[in-house]
């Protein structure tokens, strides 16, 4: 399961910090899947997180709708945008999470 791999990663602390921030938001629920750990808000898909070789990726399912104030989102799929982090950026992450929740409603 990907969650178990994330806990074995050198970026475990960053993964758990972001996970805790997500789970601290009222209405956010976690689902551990074989290949990814996903998060929904009030029953609607919000994002996923996973560790990668240089940090973590947070994939916002409706990221194409999100404002990108800090210029940190990337991806060219029809809908998803990804925030890759090598360190914890609380102000920026809070902005993107709030933006994702607003666009997800």
C-alpha atoms as a PDB file:
ATOM      1  CA  UNK A   1       0.000   0.000   0.000  1.00  0.00           C
ATOM      2  CA  UNK A   2       1.308   3.461  -0.936  1.00  0.00           C
ATOM      3  CA  UNK A   3       0.660   4.841   2.557  1.00  0.00           C
ATOM      4  CA  UNK A   4       3.075   2.290   4.011  1.00  0.00           C
ATOM      5  CA  UNK A   5       5.694   3.242   1.401  1.00  0.00           C
ATOM      6  CA  UNK A   6       5.217   6.908   2.306  1.00  0.00           C
ATOM      7  CA  UNK A   7       5.916   6.084   5.959  1.00  0.00           C
ATOM      8  CA  UNK A   8       9.183   4.392   4.937  1.00  0.00           C
ATOM      9  CA  UNK A   9      10.308   7.333   2.786  1.00  0.00           C
ATOM     10  CA  UNK A  10      13.067   9.764   3.792  1.00  0.00           C
ATOM     11  CA  UNK A  11      10.318  12.394   3.399  1.00  0.00           C
ATOM     12  CA  UNK A  12       8.018  10.757   5.956  1.00  0.00           C
ATOM     13  CA  UNK A  13       8.051  13.810   8.255  1.00  0.00           C
ATOM     14  CA  UNK A  14       6.951  16.158   5.455  1.00  0.00           C
ATOM     15  CA  UNK A  15       4.280  13.673   4.342  1.00  0.00           C
ATOM     16  CA  UNK A  16       2.882  13.378   7.886  1.00  0.00           C
ATOM     17  CA  UNK A  17       2.982  17.141   8.464  1.00  0.00           C
ATOM     18  CA  UNK A  18       0.945  17.796   5.315  1.00  0.00           C
ATOM     19  CA  UNK A  19      -1.364  14.872   6.157  1.00  0.00           C
ATOM     20  CA  UNK A  20      -1.992  16.314   9.636  1.00  0.00           C
ATOM     21  CA  UNK A  21      -2.746  19.716   8.118  1.00  0.00           C
ATOM     22  CA  UNK A  22      -5.270  18.150   5.739  1.00  0.00           C
ATOM     23  CA  UNK A  23      -6.932  16.064   8.437  1.00  0.00           C
ATOM     24  CA  UNK A  24      -7.166  19.166  10.640  1.00  0.00           C
ATOM     25  CA  UNK A  25      -9.602  20.737   8.176  1.00  0.00           C
ATOM     26  CA  UNK A  26     -13.242  20.192   9.103  1.00  0.00           C
ATOM     27  CA  UNK A  27     -14.877  17.812   6.620  1.00  0.00           C
ATOM     28  CA  UNK A  28     -11.664  16.251   5.236  1.00  0.00           C
ATOM     29  CA  UNK A  29     -11.477  12.459   5.170  1.00  0.00           C
ATOM     30  CA  UNK A  30      -8.601  10.181   4.194  1.00  0.00           C
ATOM     31  CA  UNK A  31      -8.775   7.042   2.052  1.00  0.00           C
ATOM     32  CA  UNK A  32      -5.741   4.774   1.827  1.00  0.00           C
ATOM     33  CA  UNK A  33      -5.636   3.064  -1.558  1.00  0.00           C
ATOM     34  CA  UNK A  34      -3.148   0.621  -2.996  1.00  0.00           C
ATOM     35  CA  UNK A  35      -1.383   3.213  -5.150  1.00  0.00           C
ATOM     36  CA  UNK A  36      -2.223   6.535  -3.506  1.00  0.00           C
ATOM     37  CA  UNK A  37      -3.609   8.168  -0.361  1.00  0.00           C
ATOM     38  CA  UNK A  38      -6.557  10.396  -1.227  1.00  0.00           C
ATOM     39  CA  UNK A  39      -8.466  13.097   0.610  1.00  0.00           C
ATOM     40  CA  UNK A  40     -12.028  14.244   0.145  1.00  0.00           C
ATOM     41  CA  UNK A  41     -13.865  17.231   1.548  1.00  0.00           C
ATOM     42  CA  UNK A  42     -17.511  16.760   2.470  1.00  0.00           C
ATOM     43  CA  UNK A  43     -17.640  13.693   0.244  1.00  0.00           C
ATOM     44  CA  UNK A  44     -16.077  15.240  -2.861  1.00  0.00           C
ATOM     45  CA  UNK A  45     -12.552  14.344  -4.057  1.00  0.00           C
ATOM     46  CA  UNK A  46     -10.032  17.026  -3.080  1.00  0.00           C
ATOM     47  CA  UNK A  47      -6.455  15.813  -3.524  1.00  0.00           C
ATOM     48  CA  UNK A  48      -3.922  13.061  -3.028  1.00  0.00           C
ATOM     49  CA  UNK A  49      -0.463  13.073  -1.473  1.00  0.00           C
ATOM     50  CA  UNK A  50       2.489  10.782  -1.948  1.00  0.00           C
ATOM     51  CA  UNK A  51       6.203  10.837  -1.387  1.00  0.00           C
ATOM     52  CA  UNK A  52       8.530  11.169  -4.336  1.00  0.00           C
ATOM     53  CA  UNK A  53      12.348  11.041  -4.557  1.00  0.00           C
ATOM     54  CA  UNK A  54      12.799  14.763  -3.777  1.00  0.00           C
ATOM     55  CA  UNK A  55       9.852  15.365  -1.378  1.00  0.00           C
ATOM     56  CA  UNK A  56       6.095  15.018  -1.762  1.00  0.00           C
ATOM     57  CA  UNK A  57       3.482  15.675  -4.423  1.00  0.00           C
ATOM     58  CA  UNK A  58       0.021  16.984  -3.643  1.00  0.00           C
ATOM     59  CA  UNK A  59      -2.259  16.442  -6.614  1.00  0.00           C
ATOM     60  CA  UNK A  60      -5.313  18.689  -6.605  1.00  0.00           C
ATOM     61  CA  UNK A  61      -8.111  16.950  -8.473  1.00  0.00           C
ATOM     62  CA  UNK A  62      -9.720  20.192  -9.698  1.00  0.00           C
ATOM     63  CA  UNK A  63      -6.474  22.130  -9.809  1.00  0.00           C
ATOM     64  CA  UNK A  64      -7.227  23.645 -13.206  1.00  0.00           C
ATOM     65  CA  UNK A  65      -9.789  25.857 -11.467  1.00  0.00           C
ATOM     66  CA  UNK A  66      -7.378  27.059  -8.779  1.00  0.00           C
ATOM     67  CA  UNK A  67      -5.674  30.448  -8.670  1.00  0.00           C
ATOM     68  CA  UNK A  68      -1.888  29.970  -8.515  1.00  0.00           C
ATOM     69  CA  UNK A  69      -0.811  32.992  -6.442  1.00  0.00           C
ATOM     70  CA  UNK A  70       2.647  31.575  -5.693  1.00  0.00           C
ATOM     71  CA  UNK A  71       3.329  29.999  -9.088  1.00  0.00           C
ATOM     72  CA  UNK A  72       4.005  26.588  -7.534  1.00  0.00           C
ATOM     73  CA  UNK A  73       1.429  24.447  -9.340  1.00  0.00           C
ATOM     74  CA  UNK A  74       2.436  22.373 -12.326  1.00  0.00           C
ATOM     75  CA  UNK A  75       0.882  19.866 -14.660  1.00  0.00           C
ATOM     76  CA  UNK A  76      -0.780  19.939 -18.022  1.00  0.00           C
ATOM     77  CA  UNK A  77      -3.618  17.460 -17.677  1.00  0.00           C
ATOM     78  CA  UNK A  78      -7.183  18.613 -18.291  1.00  0.00           C
ATOM     79  CA  UNK A  79      -8.033  18.915 -14.598  1.00  0.00           C
ATOM     80  CA  UNK A  80      -5.291  18.084 -12.094  1.00  0.00           C
ATOM     81  CA  UNK A  81      -2.501  20.373 -10.924  1.00  0.00           C
ATOM     82  CA  UNK A  82       0.321  19.271  -8.656  1.00  0.00           C
ATOM     83  CA  UNK A  83       2.142  21.044  -5.849  1.00  0.00           C
ATOM     84  CA  UNK A  84       5.581  19.504  -5.288  1.00  0.00           C
ATOM     85  CA  UNK A  85       7.249  20.294  -1.981  1.00  0.00           C
ATOM     86  CA  UNK A  86      10.760  19.637  -0.749  1.00  0.00           C
ATOM     87  CA  UNK A  87      10.077  21.399   2.553  1.00  0.00           C
ATOM     88  CA  UNK A  88       7.049  22.492   4.529  1.00  0.00           C
ATOM     89  CA  UNK A  89       5.669  25.831   3.336  1.00  0.00           C
ATOM     90  CA  UNK A  90       2.770  26.450   5.741  1.00  0.00           C
ATOM     91  CA  UNK A  91       1.553  29.791   4.353  1.00  0.00           C
ATOM     92  CA  UNK A  92       1.615  28.599   0.749  1.00  0.00           C
ATOM     93  CA  UNK A  93       0.091  25.218   1.569  1.00  0.00           C
ATOM     94  CA  UNK A  94      -2.735  26.798   3.555  1.00  0.00           C
ATOM     95  CA  UNK A  95      -3.470  29.071   0.583  1.00  0.00           C
ATOM     96  CA  UNK A  96      -3.576  26.152  -1.888  1.00  0.00           C
ATOM     97  CA  UNK A  97      -5.710  23.990   0.408  1.00  0.00           C
ATOM     98  CA  UNK A  98      -8.198  26.821   0.924  1.00  0.00           C
ATOM     99  CA  UNK A  99      -8.224  27.475  -2.819  1.00  0.00           C
ATOM    100  CA  UNK A 100      -8.833  23.769  -3.562  1.00  0.00           C
ATOM    101  CA  UNK A 101     -11.680  23.573  -1.047  1.00  0.00           C
ATOM    102  CA  UNK A 102     -13.296  26.723  -2.451  1.00  0.00           C
ATOM    103  CA  UNK A 103     -13.079  25.464  -6.027  1.00  0.00           C
ATOM    104  CA  UNK A 104     -14.222  21.992  -4.976  1.00  0.00           C
ATOM    105  CA  UNK A 105     -17.495  23.207  -3.455  1.00  0.00           C
END
